[in-house]
């Protein structure tokens, strides 16, 4: 249970980093694109705020729907398991034994493990073995939605502040530099959380952000002209 909770925390942290990364890239693309068309600070602020709100709300809504669907599926599975355990506990014990046989345990050990886990908590044993679900720690859709909203907003604030606070002559360059720093941090963090080499992740992250800003700035310049 403790290891599962640690894994859950890592997954939440990784999702938060990716949400912040999305906020940085999408909002940077918007404000840099608008900066290519106009130097009006009020327009840049309005565009950035609109992108921030639209993106964060979209992320929150998408996460709520996704986690709600997952939770409904898990609850339906648990309801089925409860019914089967009540109707035919011996068949369920045989099923759990077979699951451990498939994992490579000997018949004697597999049966002993199945019997002991069933005596302790039959539902939890079947849920963990068959679907990797903890019946007592289902993910909350509202918690997921709020986390996505906050993560995206935090990331989006970086390019938004970088485009409106500096003088007009350097605001685009400062925004690009700020975004690169933010993407380096996000890429490195996500790679380390996944135990992957950070170098490639950072390069991919920064390259994608720079490409997005270059395309939107070029498009904004053409429209502005």
Protein backbone atom coordinates (compact mmCIF):
# COMPACT_ATOMS: atom_id res chain seq x y z
CA UNK A 1 0.00 0.00 0.00
CA UNK A 2 2.85 2.36 0.86
CA UNK A 3 4.61 1.67 -2.45
CA UNK A 4 1.38 2.23 -4.36
CA UNK A 5 0.86 5.56 -2.59
CA UNK A 6 4.41 6.60 -3.49
CA UNK A 7 3.78 5.64 -7.11
CA UNK A 8 0.53 7.61 -7.10
CA UNK A 9 2.36 10.67 -5.79
CA UNK A 10 4.98 10.36 -8.52
CA UNK A 11 2.27 10.07 -11.16
CA UNK A 12 0.53 13.18 -9.82
CA UNK A 13 3.80 15.09 -9.76
CA UNK A 14 4.64 14.01 -13.31
CA UNK A 15 1.17 15.05 -14.48
CA UNK A 16 1.63 18.42 -12.78
CA UNK A 17 4.95 18.99 -14.54
CA UNK A 18 3.44 18.09 -17.90
CA UNK A 19 0.47 20.38 -17.24
CA UNK A 20 2.81 23.26 -16.44
CA UNK A 21 4.77 22.46 -19.59
CA UNK A 22 1.59 22.68 -21.67
CA UNK A 23 0.76 26.00 -20.06
CA UNK A 24 4.19 27.39 -20.91
CA UNK A 25 4.20 26.28 -24.56
CA UNK A 26 0.60 27.11 -25.47
CA UNK A 27 0.55 30.52 -23.80
CA UNK A 28 3.99 31.40 -25.13
CA UNK A 29 2.81 30.56 -28.62
CA UNK A 30 -0.20 32.85 -28.22
CA UNK A 31 1.57 35.88 -26.76
CA UNK A 32 4.59 35.65 -29.06
CA UNK A 33 2.29 35.30 -32.05
CA UNK A 34 0.30 38.35 -31.01
CA UNK A 35 3.55 40.22 -30.31
CA UNK A 36 4.49 39.60 -33.92
CA UNK A 37 1.37 41.48 -34.99
CA UNK A 38 1.14 44.27 -32.43
CA UNK A 39 3.13 45.94 -29.66
CA UNK A 40 0.09 47.07 -27.66
CA UNK A 41 0.51 45.86 -24.10
CA UNK A 42 -3.25 45.68 -23.45
CA UNK A 43 -3.71 43.42 -26.47
CA UNK A 44 -0.88 41.15 -25.37
CA UNK A 45 -2.29 40.96 -21.85
CA UNK A 46 -5.80 40.18 -23.12
CA UNK A 47 -4.52 37.49 -25.48
CA UNK A 48 -2.37 35.93 -22.78
CA UNK A 49 -5.12 35.93 -20.18
CA UNK A 50 -7.58 34.48 -22.67
CA UNK A 51 -5.16 31.70 -23.54
CA UNK A 52 -4.45 31.03 -19.89
CA UNK A 53 -8.12 30.77 -18.94
CA UNK A 54 -9.12 28.79 -22.01
CA UNK A 55 -6.23 26.37 -21.62
CA UNK A 56 -6.55 25.85 -17.88
CA UNK A 57 -10.32 25.35 -18.05
CA UNK A 58 -9.95 23.00 -20.99
CA UNK A 59 -7.31 20.98 -19.14
CA UNK A 60 -9.47 20.84 -16.01
CA UNK A 61 -12.58 19.77 -17.92
CA UNK A 62 -10.68 17.15 -19.90
CA UNK A 63 -9.07 15.72 -16.79
CA UNK A 64 -12.42 15.66 -14.96
CA UNK A 65 -14.10 13.76 -17.79
CA UNK A 66 -11.18 11.36 -18.19
CA UNK A 67 -10.84 10.54 -14.50
CA UNK A 68 -14.63 10.30 -14.08
CA UNK A 69 -14.74 7.70 -16.86
CA UNK A 70 -11.86 5.79 -15.28
CA UNK A 71 -13.52 5.95 -11.86
CA UNK A 72 -16.86 4.72 -13.26
CA UNK A 73 -15.08 1.80 -14.90
CA UNK A 74 -13.26 0.92 -11.69
CA UNK A 75 -16.46 1.13 -9.65
CA UNK A 76 -18.27 -1.13 -12.11
CA UNK A 77 -15.42 -3.63 -11.90
CA UNK A 78 -15.49 -3.56 -8.10
CA UNK A 79 -19.25 -4.06 -8.05
CA UNK A 80 -18.87 -7.12 -10.27
CA UNK A 81 -16.12 -8.50 -8.04
CA UNK A 82 -18.22 -8.02 -4.90
CA UNK A 83 -21.11 -9.88 -6.51
CA UNK A 84 -18.92 -12.75 -7.70
CA UNK A 85 -17.25 -13.07 -4.30
CA UNK A 86 -20.65 -13.27 -2.65
CA UNK A 87 -22.12 -15.73 -5.19
CA UNK A 88 -19.19 -18.12 -5.67
CA UNK A 89 -16.25 -17.54 -3.31
CA UNK A 90 -14.61 -20.89 -4.16
CA UNK A 91 -14.46 -20.08 -7.86
CA UNK A 92 -12.99 -16.68 -7.02
CA UNK A 93 -10.37 -18.34 -4.82
CA UNK A 94 -9.46 -20.64 -7.70
CA UNK A 95 -9.25 -17.63 -10.00
CA UNK A 96 -6.90 -15.83 -7.63
CA UNK A 97 -4.78 -18.96 -7.29
CA UNK A 98 -4.51 -19.22 -11.06
CA UNK A 99 -3.42 -15.58 -11.26
CA UNK A 100 -0.46 -16.35 -8.99
CA UNK A 101 0.30 -19.53 -10.89
CA UNK A 102 0.51 -17.40 -14.02
CA UNK A 103 3.02 -15.18 -12.20
CA UNK A 104 5.30 -18.19 -11.72
CA UNK A 105 4.53 -19.35 -8.20
CA UNK A 106 4.33 -23.05 -7.43
CA UNK A 107 0.84 -24.51 -6.97
CA UNK A 108 1.29 -24.85 -3.20
CA UNK A 109 2.59 -21.31 -2.70
CA UNK A 110 0.04 -19.83 -5.10
CA UNK A 111 -2.81 -21.47 -3.18
CA UNK A 112 -1.40 -20.37 0.17
CA UNK A 113 -1.00 -16.77 -1.01
CA UNK A 114 -4.52 -16.75 -2.44
CA UNK A 115 -6.02 -18.15 0.76
CA UNK A 116 -4.18 -15.70 3.01
CA UNK A 117 -5.00 -12.66 0.86
CA UNK A 118 -8.63 -13.73 0.62
CA UNK A 119 -8.86 -14.06 4.38
CA UNK A 120 -7.33 -10.61 4.81
CA UNK A 121 -9.32 -8.72 2.11
CA UNK A 122 -10.71 -10.69 -0.80
CA UNK A 123 -11.93 -7.68 -2.75
CA UNK A 124 -8.63 -5.83 -2.47
CA UNK A 125 -6.72 -8.96 -3.51
CA UNK A 126 -8.79 -9.50 -6.65
CA UNK A 127 -8.84 -5.81 -7.55
CA UNK A 128 -5.06 -5.48 -7.26
CA UNK A 129 -4.33 -8.72 -9.11
CA UNK A 130 -6.85 -8.42 -11.93
CA UNK A 131 -6.99 -4.67 -12.56
CA UNK A 132 -4.26 -3.02 -10.45
CA UNK A 133 -6.98 -1.09 -8.60
CA UNK A 134 -7.04 -0.10 -4.95
CA UNK A 135 -10.74 -0.14 -3.94
CA UNK A 136 -10.03 2.27 -1.09
CA UNK A 137 -8.06 4.87 -3.04
CA UNK A 138 -9.97 5.66 -6.22
CA UNK A 139 -8.88 8.87 -7.92
CA UNK A 140 -11.11 11.91 -7.38
CA UNK A 141 -12.20 13.65 -10.62
CA UNK A 142 -12.43 17.00 -8.84
CA UNK A 143 -8.95 16.63 -7.39
CA UNK A 144 -7.58 15.80 -10.83
CA UNK A 145 -9.39 18.76 -12.40
CA UNK A 146 -8.11 21.24 -9.81
CA UNK A 147 -4.56 19.90 -10.09
CA UNK A 148 -4.60 20.27 -13.88
CA UNK A 149 -6.05 23.78 -13.65
CA UNK A 150 -3.39 24.90 -11.17
CA UNK A 151 -0.49 23.28 -13.05
CA UNK A 152 -1.47 24.80 -16.38
CA UNK A 153 -2.03 28.23 -14.81
CA UNK A 154 1.36 28.23 -13.10
CA UNK A 155 3.08 27.35 -16.36
CA UNK A 156 1.09 29.89 -18.38
CA UNK A 157 1.97 32.75 -16.01
CA UNK A 158 5.64 32.55 -17.02
CA UNK A 159 5.29 33.67 -20.66
CA UNK A 160 2.39 35.97 -19.82
CA UNK A 161 4.39 37.98 -17.30
CA UNK A 162 7.49 37.84 -19.49
CA UNK A 163 5.68 39.41 -22.44
CA UNK A 164 3.92 42.27 -20.59
CA UNK A 165 6.44 43.38 -17.96
CA UNK A 166 9.64 44.13 -19.96
CA UNK A 167 10.07 47.12 -22.32
CA UNK A 168 8.64 46.60 -25.83
CA UNK A 169 12.07 46.46 -27.46
CA UNK A 170 13.15 43.33 -25.56
CA UNK A 171 9.89 41.67 -24.49
CA UNK A 172 9.95 38.97 -27.16
CA UNK A 173 13.55 37.98 -26.43
CA UNK A 174 12.95 37.95 -22.69
CA UNK A 175 9.87 35.81 -23.24
CA UNK A 176 11.81 33.35 -25.39
CA UNK A 177 14.59 33.15 -22.80
CA UNK A 178 12.12 32.68 -19.94
CA UNK A 179 10.26 29.98 -21.83
CA UNK A 180 13.49 28.14 -22.62
CA UNK A 181 14.46 28.16 -18.94
CA UNK A 182 10.99 26.94 -17.95
CA UNK A 183 11.04 24.17 -20.55
CA UNK A 184 14.50 23.05 -19.45
CA UNK A 185 13.25 22.72 -15.88
CA UNK A 186 10.08 20.87 -16.93
CA UNK A 187 11.94 18.54 -19.29
CA UNK A 188 14.61 17.73 -16.74
CA UNK A 189 12.07 17.16 -13.96
CA UNK A 190 9.80 14.92 -16.02
CA UNK A 191 12.77 12.85 -17.17
CA UNK A 192 14.12 12.41 -13.66
CA UNK A 193 10.69 11.40 -12.35
CA UNK A 194 10.53 8.75 -15.06
CA UNK A 195 14.13 7.63 -14.45
CA UNK A 196 15.01 8.57 -18.04
CA UNK A 197 18.11 10.40 -19.30
CA UNK A 198 17.32 14.13 -19.00
CA UNK A 199 19.39 15.30 -21.96
CA UNK A 200 17.10 14.12 -24.75
CA UNK A 201 13.96 15.13 -22.88
CA UNK A 202 15.28 18.67 -22.38
CA UNK A 203 16.32 19.02 -26.02
CA UNK A 204 12.96 17.76 -27.28
CA UNK A 205 11.09 20.02 -24.89
CA UNK A 206 13.03 23.15 -25.76
CA UNK A 207 12.99 22.42 -29.49
CA UNK A 208 9.22 21.97 -29.48
CA UNK A 209 8.68 25.21 -27.59
CA UNK A 210 11.02 27.19 -29.84
CA UNK A 211 9.34 25.79 -32.95
CA UNK A 212 5.90 26.72 -31.64
CA UNK A 213 6.98 30.26 -30.86
CA UNK A 214 8.77 30.68 -34.20
CA UNK A 215 5.71 29.57 -36.17
CA UNK A 216 3.25 31.71 -34.24
CA UNK A 217 5.53 34.76 -34.35
CA UNK A 218 5.91 34.38 -38.11
CA UNK A 219 2.16 34.02 -38.50
CA UNK A 220 1.54 37.06 -36.29
CA UNK A 221 4.06 39.13 -38.25
CA UNK A 222 2.39 38.24 -41.54
CA UNK A 223 -1.06 39.10 -40.20
CA UNK A 224 0.20 42.32 -38.66
CA UNK A 225 1.82 43.33 -41.93
